Every structure is written in structure tokens, then in C-alpha cells.
Amino acid sequence: MTQPKDNPKVARLRRRLKARGITQVALASAAGVSPVHVCNVLAGRDQSRKVVEAAKRLLAEHQNGPENPAGARSTREISETAEAS
């Protein structure tokens, strides 16, 4: 079996999802498809408008990071503050 050619758009999408901590399972749930299908799409073996649109929605929701919405403190910052008290 031949390896799929890496599509630059898919590679960029994969990097952005990873950087924001969005898992393939979360993306699959948002798109209403199986995690295996998401894996195939992100590996370039398959195409899916549902997966791409769901990824765009999730990325928009996680603009500032998955656990750090605008102005929120990270868990690490909170624990460091508690330890200093």
C-alpha cells in the first residue's frame, strides 16, 4: 500500500488541533463521525467536509488555548498562587 501524499492544508490543520489540545476523539464527536475516520482524514487517506467544518468550529472555540480562555489563569498559575499563600 502506498503512503498518501501529505497535503499542506491537512498538515496545518493537524498542527493547529494539536497546539490547542483538541483530540481526535473530541473532533470525531463534534463532527458526528468515528475517531477512525478522523484519523484517516488527518493522515490524508480520506477527505471529509464534516470533519474540516467541525475542526474549524472547535478551533474558533479554542482560540486562546483549550484551558486558557481570554483572561483565565492556567491550573499551574492557580496552584503556584495557592502554594505561595
Protein backbone atom coordinates (compact mmCIF):
# COMPACT_ATOMS: atom_id res chain seq x y z
CA MET A 1 0.00 0.00 0.00
CA THR A 2 1.35 3.44 -0.87
CA GLN A 3 1.53 6.24 1.65
CA PRO A 4 -0.77 9.20 0.99
CA LYS A 5 0.91 12.42 -0.08
CA ASP A 6 0.87 14.93 2.78
CA ASN A 7 -1.48 17.78 1.94
CA PRO A 8 -0.14 21.07 3.37
CA LYS A 9 -3.64 22.18 4.43
CA VAL A 10 -4.24 18.91 6.29
CA ALA A 11 -0.80 19.15 7.91
CA ARG A 12 -1.55 22.71 9.07
CA LEU A 13 -4.93 21.65 10.43
CA ARG A 14 -3.30 18.74 12.29
CA ARG A 15 -0.71 21.11 13.85
CA ARG A 16 -3.34 23.65 14.90
CA LEU A 17 -5.53 20.99 16.53
CA LYS A 18 -2.55 19.58 18.42
CA ALA A 19 -1.38 23.03 19.55
CA ARG A 20 -4.79 23.73 21.06
CA GLY A 21 -5.13 20.31 22.66
CA ILE A 22 -8.09 19.21 20.57
CA THR A 23 -8.13 15.42 20.41
CA GLN A 24 -9.24 13.25 17.52
CA VAL A 25 -11.97 11.84 19.78
CA ALA A 26 -13.30 15.35 20.51
CA LEU A 27 -13.18 16.21 16.82
CA ALA A 28 -14.98 12.98 15.92
CA SER A 29 -17.69 13.73 18.45
CA ALA A 30 -18.14 17.27 17.14
CA ALA A 31 -18.29 16.05 13.54
CA GLY A 32 -20.57 13.09 14.27
CA VAL A 33 -18.11 10.58 12.80
CA SER A 34 -15.86 7.84 14.18
CA PRO A 35 -12.39 8.56 15.57
CA VAL A 36 -11.00 6.19 12.92
CA HIS A 37 -12.49 8.38 10.18
CA VAL A 38 -10.93 11.49 11.76
CA CYS A 39 -7.58 9.68 11.91
CA ASN A 40 -7.86 8.82 8.22
CA VAL A 41 -8.74 12.41 7.30
CA LEU A 42 -5.85 13.86 9.32
CA ALA A 43 -3.48 11.30 7.80
CA GLY A 44 -4.56 12.33 4.30
CA ARG A 45 -6.10 8.95 3.47
CA ASP A 46 -9.63 10.30 3.28
CA GLN A 47 -11.48 13.61 2.85
CA SER A 48 -14.42 14.89 4.87
CA ARG A 49 -16.13 18.25 4.82
CA LYS A 50 -17.86 17.36 8.13
CA VAL A 51 -14.50 16.84 9.85
CA VAL A 52 -13.00 20.03 8.43
CA GLU A 53 -16.02 22.15 9.40
CA ALA A 54 -16.09 20.66 12.91
CA ALA A 55 -12.35 21.33 13.25
CA LYS A 56 -12.88 24.97 12.26
CA ARG A 57 -15.65 25.32 14.87
CA LEU A 58 -13.52 23.75 17.62
CA LEU A 59 -10.50 25.87 16.71
CA ALA A 60 -12.64 29.02 16.85
CA GLU A 61 -13.90 27.98 20.31
CA HIS A 62 -10.32 27.33 21.48
CA GLN A 63 -8.66 30.46 20.07
CA ASN A 64 -6.82 31.18 23.30
CA GLY A 65 -5.93 27.59 24.10
CA PRO A 66 -8.09 24.76 25.41
CA GLU A 67 -7.77 25.63 29.09
CA ASN A 68 -6.94 29.28 28.86
CA PRO A 69 -9.82 31.41 27.59
CA ALA A 70 -9.14 35.13 27.47
CA GLY A 71 -8.15 36.33 30.92
CA ALA A 72 -8.29 32.94 32.62
CA ARG A 73 -5.40 31.66 34.68
CA SER A 74 -3.84 28.29 33.98
CA THR A 75 -4.02 25.46 36.51
CA ARG A 76 -0.29 25.91 37.10
CA GLU A 77 -0.72 29.61 37.92
CA ILE A 78 -3.53 28.81 40.36
CA SER A 79 -1.52 26.12 42.16
CA GLU A 80 1.57 28.36 42.36
CA THR A 81 -0.56 31.11 43.89
CA ALA A 82 -2.03 28.68 46.43
CA GLU A 83 1.44 27.41 47.38
CA ALA A 84 2.75 30.93 47.89
CA SER A 85 -0.09 31.78 50.32
